[in-house]
Amino acid sequence: MMATEEEIWSALKPIQDPEIFIGIVDLGLIYKVERDEPNGKVRIEMTLTSPACPLGPIIRTQAHAALTKLPGIKEVQVDLVWIPPWDPRTMASEDAKLQLGLV
């Protein structure tokens, strides 16, 4: 049996943006999770705090690694997207907004 969508989100939650030390889920950087259970595939769409983020490859690698550890997942695809542009005022959780000084 393949990991549920909830388990996928939970696996991504501890991954932090290494520059601001807030989780990528709380920041709202994960836009979409798609599961293809019969084939054991997971695809996520995510963005970064900035297109010029020098640590983007590290964050993508951490997301990929976290998901490949889950049960039933045979293939992981992590796509970087830039639309819509990330906006912490509307996409981040309330806790992340507080840590960023936006509330």
PDB file of N, CA and C in Angstrom:
ATOM      1  N   MET A   1       0.848  -1.188   0.000  1.00  0.00           N
ATOM      2  CA  MET A   1       0.000   0.000   0.000  1.00  0.00           C
ATOM      3  C   MET A   1       0.893   1.251   0.000  1.00  0.00           C
ATOM      4  N   MET A   2       0.494   2.217  -0.774  1.00  0.00           N
ATOM      5  CA  MET A   2       1.280   3.437  -0.939  1.00  0.00           C
ATOM      6  C   MET A   2       0.922   4.469   0.127  1.00  0.00           C
ATOM      7  N   ALA A   3       1.898   5.268   0.490  1.00  0.00           N
ATOM      8  CA  ALA A   3       1.697   6.349   1.455  1.00  0.00           C
ATOM      9  C   ALA A   3       0.527   7.237   1.026  1.00  0.00           C
ATOM     10  N   THR A   4      -0.221   7.700   2.013  1.00  0.00           N
ATOM     11  CA  THR A   4      -1.355   8.576   1.740  1.00  0.00           C
ATOM     12  C   THR A   4      -0.861   9.998   1.459  1.00  0.00           C
ATOM     13  N   GLU A   5      -1.749  10.830   0.976  1.00  0.00           N
ATOM     14  CA  GLU A   5      -1.387  12.226   0.753  1.00  0.00           C
ATOM     15  C   GLU A   5      -1.007  12.893   2.068  1.00  0.00           C
ATOM     16  N   GLU A   6      -1.717  12.555   3.124  1.00  0.00           N
ATOM     17  CA  GLU A   6      -1.402  13.117   4.439  1.00  0.00           C
ATOM     18  C   GLU A   6       0.005  12.713   4.880  1.00  0.00           C
ATOM     19  N   GLU A   7       0.385  11.456   4.649  1.00  0.00           N
ATOM     20  CA  GLU A   7       1.725  10.997   5.011  1.00  0.00           C
ATOM     21  C   GLU A   7       2.796  11.709   4.183  1.00  0.00           C
ATOM     22  N   ILE A   8       2.478  11.993   2.936  1.00  0.00           N
ATOM     23  CA  ILE A   8       3.412  12.715   2.070  1.00  0.00           C
ATOM     24  C   ILE A   8       3.637  14.124   2.613  1.00  0.00           C
ATOM     25  N   TRP A   9       2.544  14.830   2.939  1.00  0.00           N
ATOM     26  CA  TRP A   9       2.664  16.174   3.505  1.00  0.00           C
ATOM     27  C   TRP A   9       3.442  16.136   4.817  1.00  0.00           C
ATOM     28  N   SER A  10       3.184  15.125   5.636  1.00  0.00           N
ATOM     29  CA  SER A  10       3.893  14.995   6.916  1.00  0.00           C
ATOM     30  C   SER A  10       5.386  14.766   6.718  1.00  0.00           C
ATOM     31  N   ALA A  11       5.749  14.017   5.683  1.00  0.00           N
ATOM     32  CA  ALA A  11       7.168  13.765   5.406  1.00  0.00           C
ATOM     33  C   ALA A  11       7.886  15.030   4.947  1.00  0.00           C
ATOM     34  N   LEU A  12       7.156  15.924   4.278  1.00  0.00           N
ATOM     35  CA  LEU A  12       7.750  17.167   3.783  1.00  0.00           C
ATOM     36  C   LEU A  12       7.829  18.247   4.868  1.00  0.00           C
ATOM     37  N   LYS A  13       6.984  18.149   5.856  1.00  0.00           N
ATOM     38  CA  LYS A  13       6.873  19.198   6.884  1.00  0.00           C
ATOM     39  C   LYS A  13       8.183  19.521   7.603  1.00  0.00           C
ATOM     40  N   PRO A  14       9.031  18.544   7.967  1.00  0.00           N
ATOM     41  CA  PRO A  14      10.268  18.886   8.693  1.00  0.00           C
ATOM     42  C   PRO A  14      11.349  19.560   7.838  1.00  0.00           C
ATOM     43  N   ILE A  15      11.204  19.549   6.541  1.00  0.00           N
ATOM     44  CA  ILE A  15      12.239  20.127   5.674  1.00  0.00           C
ATOM     45  C   ILE A  15      12.176  21.647   5.785  1.00  0.00           C
ATOM     46  N   GLN A  16      13.304  22.239   6.109  1.00  0.00           N
ATOM     47  CA  GLN A  16      13.350  23.688   6.305  1.00  0.00           C
ATOM     48  C   GLN A  16      14.089  24.385   5.174  1.00  0.00           C
ATOM     49  N   ASP A  17      13.656  25.598   4.912  1.00  0.00           N
ATOM     50  CA  ASP A  17      14.429  26.471   4.042  1.00  0.00           C
ATOM     51  C   ASP A  17      15.693  26.800   4.832  1.00  0.00           C
ATOM     52  N   PRO A  18      16.880  26.425   4.305  1.00  0.00           N
ATOM     53  CA  PRO A  18      18.102  26.592   5.088  1.00  0.00           C
ATOM     54  C   PRO A  18      18.546  28.035   5.313  1.00  0.00           C
ATOM     55  N   GLU A  19      17.913  28.979   4.649  1.00  0.00           N
ATOM     56  CA  GLU A  19      18.286  30.382   4.864  1.00  0.00           C
ATOM     57  C   GLU A  19      17.454  31.047   5.948  1.00  0.00           C
ATOM     58  N   ILE A  20      16.184  30.623   6.062  1.00  0.00           N
ATOM     59  CA  ILE A  20      15.317  31.273   7.053  1.00  0.00           C
ATOM     60  C   ILE A  20      14.824  30.320   8.133  1.00  0.00           C
ATOM     61  N   PHE A  21      15.180  29.039   8.030  1.00  0.00           N
ATOM     62  CA  PHE A  21      14.913  28.043   9.069  1.00  0.00           C
ATOM     63  C   PHE A  21      13.440  27.905   9.426  1.00  0.00           C
ATOM     64  N   ILE A  22      12.608  27.921   8.396  1.00  0.00           N
ATOM     65  CA  ILE A  22      11.172  27.668   8.531  1.00  0.00           C
ATOM     66  C   ILE A  22      10.850  26.559   7.543  1.00  0.00           C
ATOM     67  N   GLY A  23       9.951  25.665   7.923  1.00  0.00           N
ATOM     68  CA  GLY A  23       9.600  24.530   7.085  1.00  0.00           C
ATOM     69  C   GLY A  23       8.978  24.939   5.749  1.00  0.00           C
ATOM     70  N   ILE A  24       9.291  24.157   4.719  1.00  0.00           N
ATOM     71  CA  ILE A  24       8.781  24.471   3.377  1.00  0.00           C
ATOM     72  C   ILE A  24       7.266  24.314   3.279  1.00  0.00           C
ATOM     73  N   VAL A  25       6.684  23.425   4.084  1.00  0.00           N
ATOM     74  CA  VAL A  25       5.225  23.288   4.091  1.00  0.00           C
ATOM     75  C   VAL A  25       4.611  24.516   4.738  1.00  0.00           C
ATOM     76  N   ASP A  26       5.144  24.929   5.891  1.00  0.00           N
ATOM     77  CA  ASP A  26       4.615  26.109   6.587  1.00  0.00           C
ATOM     78  C   ASP A  26       4.799  27.387   5.774  1.00  0.00           C
ATOM     79  N   LEU A  27       5.854  27.435   5.000  1.00  0.00           N
ATOM     80  CA  LEU A  27       6.076  28.604   4.142  1.00  0.00           C
ATOM     81  C   LEU A  27       5.120  28.638   2.946  1.00  0.00           C
ATOM     82  N   GLY A  28       4.475  27.517   2.666  1.00  0.00           N
ATOM     83  CA  GLY A  28       3.575  27.452   1.512  1.00  0.00           C
ATOM     84  C   GLY A  28       4.317  27.203   0.211  1.00  0.00           C
ATOM     85  N   LEU A  29       5.509  26.611   0.293  1.00  0.00           N
ATOM     86  CA  LEU A  29       6.308  26.378  -0.909  1.00  0.00           C
ATOM     87  C   LEU A  29       5.877  25.135  -1.679  1.00  0.00           C
ATOM     88  N   ILE A  30       5.103  24.255  -1.049  1.00  0.00           N
ATOM     89  CA  ILE A  30       4.582  23.075  -1.741  1.00  0.00           C
ATOM     90  C   ILE A  30       3.214  23.443  -2.300  1.00  0.00           C
ATOM     91  N   TYR A  31       3.102  23.430  -3.617  1.00  0.00           N
ATOM     92  CA  TYR A  31       1.856  23.830  -4.267  1.00  0.00           C
ATOM     93  C   TYR A  31       0.922  22.652  -4.546  1.00  0.00           C
ATOM     94  N   LYS A  32       1.491  21.494  -4.866  1.00  0.00           N
ATOM     95  CA  LYS A  32       0.633  20.382  -5.273  1.00  0.00           C
ATOM     96  C   LYS A  32       1.324  19.055  -4.962  1.00  0.00           C
ATOM     97  N   VAL A  33       0.507  18.073  -4.574  1.00  0.00           N
ATOM     98  CA  VAL A  33       0.957  16.698  -4.395  1.00  0.00           C
ATOM     99  C   VAL A  33       0.044  15.822  -5.238  1.00  0.00           C
ATOM    100  N   GLU A  34       0.645  15.026  -6.109  1.00  0.00           N
ATOM    101  CA  GLU A  34      -0.126  14.084  -6.934  1.00  0.00           C
ATOM    102  C   GLU A  34       0.396  12.680  -6.677  1.00  0.00           C
ATOM    103  N   ARG A  35      -0.538  11.753  -6.444  1.00  0.00           N
ATOM    104  CA  ARG A  35      -0.195  10.348  -6.215  1.00  0.00           C
ATOM    105  C   ARG A  35      -0.700   9.515  -7.380  1.00  0.00           C
ATOM    106  N   ASP A  36       0.115   8.597  -7.844  1.00  0.00           N
ATOM    107  CA  ASP A  36      -0.284   7.609  -8.843  1.00  0.00           C
ATOM    108  C   ASP A  36      -0.077   6.261  -8.174  1.00  0.00           C
ATOM    109  N   GLU A  37      -1.071   5.862  -7.384  1.00  0.00           N
ATOM    110  CA  GLU A  37      -0.915   4.689  -6.522  1.00  0.00           C
ATOM    111  C   GLU A  37      -0.617   3.406  -7.285  1.00  0.00           C
ATOM    112  N   PRO A  38      -1.304   3.128  -8.398  1.00  0.00           N
ATOM    113  CA  PRO A  38      -1.008   1.852  -9.072  1.00  0.00           C
ATOM    114  C   PRO A  38       0.458   1.721  -9.507  1.00  0.00           C
ATOM    115  N   ASN A  39       1.096   2.847  -9.806  1.00  0.00           N
ATOM    116  CA  ASN A  39       2.479   2.815 -10.282  1.00  0.00           C
ATOM    117  C   ASN A  39       3.501   3.223  -9.224  1.00  0.00           C
ATOM    118  N   GLY A  40       3.031   3.605  -8.022  1.00  0.00           N
ATOM    119  CA  GLY A  40       3.934   3.985  -6.946  1.00  0.00           C
ATOM    120  C   GLY A  40       4.671   5.287  -7.208  1.00  0.00           C
ATOM    121  N   LYS A  41       4.024   6.194  -7.950  1.00  0.00           N
ATOM    122  CA  LYS A  41       4.677   7.459  -8.297  1.00  0.00           C
ATOM    123  C   LYS A  41       4.069   8.618  -7.522  1.00  0.00           C
ATOM    124  N   VAL A  42       4.930   9.548  -7.150  1.00  0.00           N
ATOM    125  CA  VAL A  42       4.494  10.793  -6.507  1.00  0.00           C
ATOM    126  C   VAL A  42       5.136  11.941  -7.260  1.00  0.00           C
ATOM    127  N   ARG A  43       4.336  12.966  -7.519  1.00  0.00           N
ATOM    128  CA  ARG A  43       4.842  14.178  -8.155  1.00  0.00           C
ATOM    129  C   ARG A  43       4.425  15.345  -7.281  1.00  0.00           C
ATOM    130  N   ILE A  44       5.401  16.205  -6.968  1.00  0.00           N
ATOM    131  CA  ILE A  44       5.049  17.427  -6.243  1.00  0.00           C
ATOM    132  C   ILE A  44       5.478  18.629  -7.071  1.00  0.00           C
ATOM    133  N   GLU A  45       4.697  19.680  -6.932  1.00  0.00           N
ATOM    134  CA  GLU A  45       5.062  20.981  -7.492  1.00  0.00           C
ATOM    135  C   GLU A  45       5.407  21.857  -6.312  1.00  0.00           C
ATOM    136  N   MET A  46       6.559  22.471  -6.403  1.00  0.00           N
ATOM    137  CA  MET A  46       6.974  23.374  -5.339  1.00  0.00           C
ATOM    138  C   MET A  46       7.665  24.583  -5.941  1.00  0.00           C
ATOM    139  N   THR A  47       7.796  25.584  -5.126  1.00  0.00           N
ATOM    140  CA  THR A  47       8.518  26.777  -5.532  1.00  0.00           C
ATOM    141  C   THR A  47       9.573  27.070  -4.477  1.00  0.00           C
ATOM    142  N   LEU A  48      10.272  28.130  -4.666  1.00  0.00           N
ATOM    143  CA  LEU A  48      11.279  28.582  -3.700  1.00  0.00           C
ATOM    144  C   LEU A  48      10.943  30.011  -3.303  1.00  0.00           C
ATOM    145  N   THR A  49      11.570  30.492  -2.256  1.00  0.00           N
ATOM    146  CA  THR A  49      11.286  31.856  -1.815  1.00  0.00           C
ATOM    147  C   THR A  49      11.715  32.873  -2.855  1.00  0.00           C
ATOM    148  N   SER A  50      12.640  32.477  -3.730  1.00  0.00           N
ATOM    149  CA  SER A  50      13.098  33.351  -4.806  1.00  0.00           C
ATOM    150  C   SER A  50      13.667  32.490  -5.931  1.00  0.00           C
ATOM    151  N   PRO A  51      13.452  32.883  -7.186  1.00  0.00           N
ATOM    152  CA  PRO A  51      14.025  32.106  -8.292  1.00  0.00           C
ATOM    153  C   PRO A  51      15.550  32.020  -8.231  1.00  0.00           C
ATOM    154  N   ALA A  52      16.190  32.962  -7.570  1.00  0.00           N
ATOM    155  CA  ALA A  52      17.649  32.973  -7.479  1.00  0.00           C
ATOM    156  C   ALA A  52      18.161  32.256  -6.224  1.00  0.00           C
ATOM    157  N   CYS A  53      17.291  31.542  -5.531  1.00  0.00           N
ATOM    158  CA  CYS A  53      17.684  30.867  -4.286  1.00  0.00           C
ATOM    159  C   CYS A  53      18.839  29.897  -4.558  1.00  0.00           C
ATOM    160  N   PRO A  54      20.001  30.146  -3.964  1.00  0.00           N
ATOM    161  CA  PRO A  54      21.152  29.290  -4.224  1.00  0.00           C
ATOM    162  C   PRO A  54      21.034  27.899  -3.604  1.00  0.00           C
ATOM    163  N   LEU A  55      20.118  27.737  -2.660  1.00  0.00           N
ATOM    164  CA  LEU A  55      19.975  26.460  -1.972  1.00  0.00           C
ATOM    165  C   LEU A  55      18.804  25.634  -2.503  1.00  0.00           C
ATOM    166  N   GLY A  56      18.220  26.070  -3.607  1.00  0.00           N
ATOM    167  CA  GLY A  56      17.109  25.346  -4.217  1.00  0.00           C
ATOM    168  C   GLY A  56      17.404  23.881  -4.487  1.00  0.00           C
ATOM    169  N   PRO A  57      18.569  23.554  -5.062  1.00  0.00           N
ATOM    170  CA  PRO A  57      18.869  22.141  -5.316  1.00  0.00           C
ATOM    171  C   PRO A  57      18.910  21.299  -4.033  1.00  0.00           C
ATOM    172  N   ILE A  58      19.357  21.896  -2.948  1.00  0.00           N
ATOM    173  CA  ILE A  58      19.393  21.168  -1.674  1.00  0.00           C
ATOM    174  C   ILE A  58      17.978  20.887  -1.182  1.00  0.00           C
ATOM    175  N   ILE A  59      17.104  21.873  -1.268  1.00  0.00           N
ATOM    176  CA  ILE A  59      15.716  21.699  -0.822  1.00  0.00           C
ATOM    177  C   ILE A  59      15.028  20.634  -1.665  1.00  0.00           C
ATOM    178  N   ARG A  60      15.218  20.671  -2.974  1.00  0.00           N
ATOM    179  CA  ARG A  60      14.615  19.657  -3.867  1.00  0.00           C
ATOM    180  C   ARG A  60      15.127  18.266  -3.516  1.00  0.00           C
ATOM    181  N   THR A  61      16.413  18.146  -3.271  1.00  0.00           N
ATOM    182  CA  THR A  61      17.001  16.846  -2.929  1.00  0.00           C
ATOM    183  C   THR A  61      16.443  16.333  -1.606  1.00  0.00           C
ATOM    184  N   GLN A  62      16.278  17.220  -0.638  1.00  0.00           N
ATOM    185  CA  GLN A  62      15.720  16.812   0.654  1.00  0.00           C
ATOM    186  C   GLN A  62      14.277  16.343   0.495  1.00  0.00           C
ATOM    187  N   ALA A  63      13.489  17.039  -0.316  1.00  0.00           N
ATOM    188  CA  ALA A  63      12.101  16.640  -0.553  1.00  0.00           C
ATOM    189  C   ALA A  63      12.057  15.269  -1.227  1.00  0.00           C
ATOM    190  N   HIS A  64      12.881  15.091  -2.233  1.00  0.00           N
ATOM    191  CA  HIS A  64      12.942  13.814  -2.946  1.00  0.00           C
ATOM    192  C   HIS A  64      13.317  12.692  -1.982  1.00  0.00           C
ATOM    193  N   ALA A  65      14.334  12.899  -1.185  1.00  0.00           N
ATOM    194  CA  ALA A  65      14.799  11.879  -0.243  1.00  0.00           C
ATOM    195  C   ALA A  65      13.733  11.536   0.795  1.00  0.00           C
ATOM    196  N   ALA A  66      13.037  12.536   1.297  1.00  0.00           N
ATOM    197  CA  ALA A  66      12.001  12.299   2.305  1.00  0.00           C
ATOM    198  C   ALA A  66      10.880  11.435   1.742  1.00  0.00           C
ATOM    199  N   LEU A  67      10.528  11.649   0.494  1.00  0.00           N
ATOM    200  CA  LEU A  67       9.412  10.910  -0.090  1.00  0.00           C
ATOM    201  C   LEU A  67       9.798   9.502  -0.510  1.00  0.00           C
ATOM    202  N   THR A  68      11.032   9.298  -0.924  1.00  0.00           N
ATOM    203  CA  THR A  68      11.439   7.948  -1.341  1.00  0.00           C
ATOM    204  C   THR A  68      11.494   6.988  -0.154  1.00  0.00           C
ATOM    205  N   LYS A  69      11.500   7.493   1.057  1.00  0.00           N
ATOM    206  CA  LYS A  69      11.513   6.642   2.251  1.00  0.00           C
ATOM    207  C   LYS A  69      10.125   6.133   2.622  1.00  0.00           C
ATOM    208  N   LEU A  70       9.093   6.706   2.021  1.00  0.00           N
ATOM    209  CA  LEU A  70       7.734   6.329   2.393  1.00  0.00           C
ATOM    210  C   LEU A  70       7.327   5.005   1.745  1.00  0.00           C
ATOM    211  N   PRO A  71       6.410   4.285   2.385  1.00  0.00           N
ATOM    212  CA  PRO A  71       6.006   2.979   1.858  1.00  0.00           C
ATOM    213  C   PRO A  71       5.292   3.082   0.504  1.00  0.00           C
ATOM    214  N   GLY A  72       5.649   2.167  -0.376  1.00  0.00           N
ATOM    215  CA  GLY A  72       4.972   2.044  -1.661  1.00  0.00           C
ATOM    216  C   GLY A  72       5.370   3.059  -2.703  1.00  0.00           C
ATOM    217  N   ILE A  73       6.263   3.980  -2.379  1.00  0.00           N
ATOM    218  CA  ILE A  73       6.677   4.991  -3.349  1.00  0.00           C
ATOM    219  C   ILE A  73       7.926   4.504  -4.061  1.00  0.00           C
ATOM    220  N   LYS A  74       7.789   4.337  -5.370  1.00  0.00           N
ATOM    221  CA  LYS A  74       8.885   3.829  -6.192  1.00  0.00           C
ATOM    222  C   LYS A  74       9.574   4.923  -6.993  1.00  0.00           C
ATOM    223  N   GLU A  75       8.838   5.987  -7.264  1.00  0.00           N
ATOM    224  CA  GLU A  75       9.381   7.071  -8.088  1.00  0.00           C
ATOM    225  C   GLU A  75       8.867   8.404  -7.567  1.00  0.00           C
ATOM    226  N   VAL A  76       9.769   9.383  -7.476  1.00  0.00           N
ATOM    227  CA  VAL A  76       9.404  10.720  -7.004  1.00  0.00           C
ATOM    228  C   VAL A  76       9.870  11.741  -8.028  1.00  0.00           C
ATOM    229  N   GLN A  77       8.978  12.642  -8.370  1.00  0.00           N
ATOM    230  CA  GLN A  77       9.301  13.744  -9.274  1.00  0.00           C
ATOM    231  C   GLN A  77       9.029  15.045  -8.535  1.00  0.00           C
ATOM    232  N   VAL A  78      10.047  15.893  -8.436  1.00  0.00           N
ATOM    233  CA  VAL A  78       9.909  17.191  -7.773  1.00  0.00           C
ATOM    234  C   VAL A  78      10.096  18.265  -8.832  1.00  0.00           C
ATOM    235  N   ASP A  79       9.004  18.948  -9.156  1.00  0.00           N
ATOM    236  CA  ASP A  79       9.045  19.996 -10.174  1.00  0.00           C
ATOM    237  C   ASP A  79       9.041  21.370  -9.520  1.00  0.00           C
ATOM    238  N   LEU A  80       9.973  22.214  -9.945  1.00  0.00           N
ATOM    239  CA  LEU A  80       9.972  23.610  -9.498  1.00  0.00           C
ATOM    240  C   LEU A  80       9.081  24.417 -10.427  1.00  0.00           C
ATOM    241  N   VAL A  81       8.202  25.200  -9.835  1.00  0.00           N
ATOM    242  CA  VAL A  81       7.307  26.059 -10.604  1.00  0.00           C
ATOM    243  C   VAL A  81       7.409  27.480 -10.059  1.00  0.00           C
ATOM    244  N   TRP A  82       7.093  28.426 -10.891  1.00  0.00           N
ATOM    245  CA  TRP A  82       7.207  29.836 -10.489  1.00  0.00           C
ATOM    246  C   TRP A  82       5.876  30.572 -10.583  1.00  0.00           C
ATOM    247  N   ILE A  83       4.839  29.881 -11.026  1.00  0.00           N
ATOM    248  CA  ILE A  83       3.516  30.486 -11.122  1.00  0.00           C
ATOM    249  C   ILE A  83       2.564  29.651 -10.285  1.00  0.00           C
ATOM    250  N   PRO A  84       1.898  30.247  -9.337  1.00  0.00           N
ATOM    251  CA  PRO A  84       1.954  31.656  -8.979  1.00  0.00           C
ATOM    252  C   PRO A  84       3.235  31.973  -8.214  1.00  0.00           C
ATOM    253  N   PRO A  85       3.669  33.223  -8.288  1.00  0.00           N
ATOM    254  CA  PRO A  85       4.845  33.609  -7.509  1.00  0.00           C
ATOM    255  C   PRO A  85       4.560  33.451  -6.016  1.00  0.00           C
ATOM    256  N   TRP A  86       5.552  33.008  -5.282  1.00  0.00           N
ATOM    257  CA  TRP A  86       5.378  32.810  -3.838  1.00  0.00           C
ATOM    258  C   TRP A  86       5.192  34.147  -3.146  1.00  0.00           C
ATOM    259  N   ASP A  87       4.193  34.197  -2.287  1.00  0.00           N
ATOM    260  CA  ASP A  87       3.908  35.390  -1.501  1.00  0.00           C
ATOM    261  C   ASP A  87       3.629  34.947  -0.064  1.00  0.00           C
ATOM    262  N   PRO A  88       4.531  35.205   0.849  1.00  0.00           N
ATOM    263  CA  PRO A  88       4.344  34.725   2.218  1.00  0.00           C
ATOM    264  C   PRO A  88       3.110  35.301   2.905  1.00  0.00           C
ATOM    265  N   ARG A  89       2.656  36.453   2.461  1.00  0.00           N
ATOM    266  CA  ARG A  89       1.478  37.063   3.097  1.00  0.00           C
ATOM    267  C   ARG A  89       0.222  36.252   2.847  1.00  0.00           C
ATOM    268  N   THR A  90       0.165  35.515   1.737  1.00  0.00           N
ATOM    269  CA  THR A  90      -1.032  34.742   1.427  1.00  0.00           C
ATOM    270  C   THR A  90      -0.798  33.237   1.442  1.00  0.00           C
ATOM    271  N   MET A  91       0.446  32.777   1.346  1.00  0.00           N
ATOM    272  CA  MET A  91       0.713  31.350   1.203  1.00  0.00           C
ATOM    273  C   MET A  91       1.281  30.691   2.461  1.00  0.00           C
ATOM    274  N   ALA A  92       1.899  31.451   3.313  1.00  0.00           N
ATOM    275  CA  ALA A  92       2.515  30.886   4.510  1.00  0.00           C
ATOM    276  C   ALA A  92       1.467  30.657   5.594  1.00  0.00           C
ATOM    277  N   SER A  93       1.761  29.700   6.473  1.00  0.00           N
ATOM    278  CA  SER A  93       0.883  29.450   7.615  1.00  0.00           C
ATOM    279  C   SER A  93       0.972  30.637   8.583  1.00  0.00           C
ATOM    280  N   GLU A  94       0.041  30.685   9.518  1.00  0.00           N
ATOM    281  CA  GLU A  94       0.051  31.770  10.503  1.00  0.00           C
ATOM    282  C   GLU A  94       1.335  31.738  11.336  1.00  0.00           C
ATOM    283  N   ASP A  95       1.787  30.535  11.698  1.00  0.00           N
ATOM    284  CA  ASP A  95       3.044  30.426  12.462  1.00  0.00           C
ATOM    285  C   ASP A  95       4.231  30.962  11.668  1.00  0.00           C
ATOM    286  N   ALA A  96       4.285  30.613  10.381  1.00  0.00           N
ATOM    287  CA  ALA A  96       5.396  31.089   9.540  1.00  0.00           C
ATOM    288  C   ALA A  96       5.321  32.609   9.387  1.00  0.00           C
ATOM    289  N   LYS A  97       4.115  33.140   9.212  1.00  0.00           N
ATOM    290  CA  LYS A  97       3.970  34.596   9.105  1.00  0.00           C
ATOM    291  C   LYS A  97       4.477  35.294  10.369  1.00  0.00           C
ATOM    292  N   LEU A  98       4.181  34.693  11.510  1.00  0.00           N
ATOM    293  CA  LEU A  98       4.643  35.252  12.771  1.00  0.00           C
ATOM    294  C   LEU A  98       6.175  35.241  12.830  1.00  0.00           C
ATOM    295  N   GLN A  99       6.783  34.121  12.429  1.00  0.00           N
ATOM    296  CA  GLN A  99       8.237  34.022  12.443  1.00  0.00           C
ATOM    297  C   GLN A  99       8.890  34.989  11.446  1.00  0.00           C
ATOM    298  N   LEU A 100       8.182  35.269  10.365  1.00  0.00           N
ATOM    299  CA  LEU A 100       8.704  36.189   9.354  1.00  0.00           C
ATOM    300  C   LEU A 100       8.422  37.647   9.698  1.00  0.00           C
ATOM    301  N   GLY A 101       7.671  37.881  10.771  1.00  0.00           N
ATOM    302  CA  GLY A 101       7.344  39.235  11.179  1.00  0.00           C
ATOM    303  C   GLY A 101       6.258  39.868  10.337  1.00  0.00           C
ATOM    304  N   LEU A 102       5.366  39.050   9.777  1.00  0.00           N
ATOM    305  CA  LEU A 102       4.321  39.582   8.899  1.00  0.00           C
ATOM    306  C   LEU A 102       2.987  39.781   9.612  1.00  0.00           C
ATOM    307  N   VAL A 103       2.937  39.453  10.897  1.00  0.00           N
ATOM    308  CA  VAL A 103       1.691  39.678  11.661  1.00  0.00           C
ATOM    309  C   VAL A 103       1.989  40.437  12.922  1.00  0.00           C
TER     310      VAL A 103
END
